[in-house]
Amino acid sequence: MAKSKVKEIISLEELAWLVIGLAFGYLAGLGAPIFIVAIPIAALLVWIISYFRRKTLW
């Protein structure tokens, strides 16, 4: 059998962050308190930092 040449567009981790971001964005649009909006922003910053560390260290 020939190997599949399907290119991975988005990883499962990135998809999870996208869904979380959309959910919190929806809550922010509804007028949620600021701490609920700040949680995903902080988590996104942590993910971006870890992403760049992985890219440079590996």
Protein backbone atom coordinates (compact mmCIF):
# COMPACT_ATOMS: atom_id res chain seq x y z
CA MET A 1 0.00 0.00 0.00
CA ALA A 2 1.17 3.47 -0.77
CA LYS A 3 1.73 5.77 2.14
CA SER A 4 -0.67 8.64 2.50
CA LYS A 5 0.77 12.02 1.62
CA VAL A 6 -1.78 13.96 3.63
CA LYS A 7 -0.22 17.00 5.22
CA GLU A 8 -1.20 17.80 8.79
CA ILE A 9 -2.77 21.25 8.75
CA ILE A 10 -3.50 21.67 12.45
CA SER A 11 -2.47 19.54 15.39
CA LEU A 12 -4.87 18.27 18.02
CA GLU A 13 -3.35 20.61 20.61
CA GLU A 14 -3.84 23.63 18.35
CA LEU A 15 -7.41 22.57 17.64
CA ALA A 16 -8.11 22.35 21.38
CA TRP A 17 -6.72 25.86 21.93
CA LEU A 18 -8.82 27.15 19.04
CA VAL A 19 -12.01 25.70 20.52
CA ILE A 20 -11.17 27.07 23.97
CA GLY A 21 -10.43 30.49 22.49
CA LEU A 22 -13.69 30.54 20.59
CA ALA A 23 -15.66 29.54 23.70
CA PHE A 24 -14.07 32.24 25.84
CA GLY A 25 -14.47 34.78 23.04
CA TYR A 26 -18.16 33.97 22.95
CA LEU A 27 -18.39 34.44 26.72
CA ALA A 28 -16.56 37.76 26.44
CA GLY A 29 -19.06 38.84 23.81
CA LEU A 30 -21.87 38.06 26.23
CA GLY A 31 -20.31 40.39 28.81
CA ALA A 32 -18.53 37.94 31.08
CA PRO A 33 -16.40 39.30 33.94
CA ILE A 34 -12.86 40.33 33.04
CA PHE A 35 -11.19 37.44 34.91
CA ILE A 36 -12.97 34.93 32.67
CA VAL A 37 -11.58 36.74 29.63
CA ALA A 38 -8.08 37.02 31.15
CA ILE A 39 -7.72 33.26 31.74
CA PRO A 40 -7.52 32.23 28.05
CA ILE A 41 -5.29 35.21 27.22
CA ALA A 42 -2.80 34.07 29.87
CA ALA A 43 -3.08 30.46 28.69
CA LEU A 44 -2.47 31.55 25.10
CA LEU A 45 0.66 33.44 26.13
CA VAL A 46 1.96 30.36 27.97
CA TRP A 47 1.26 28.22 24.90
CA ILE A 48 3.02 30.67 22.56
CA ILE A 49 6.08 30.78 24.82
CA SER A 50 6.21 26.98 25.06
CA TYR A 51 5.74 26.71 21.29
CA PHE A 52 8.73 28.93 20.57
CA ARG A 53 10.84 27.13 23.18
CA ARG A 54 10.05 23.80 21.51
CA LYS A 55 10.92 25.19 18.09
CA THR A 56 14.26 26.55 19.25
CA LEU A 57 15.29 23.73 21.60
CA TRP A 58 14.40 20.78 19.38
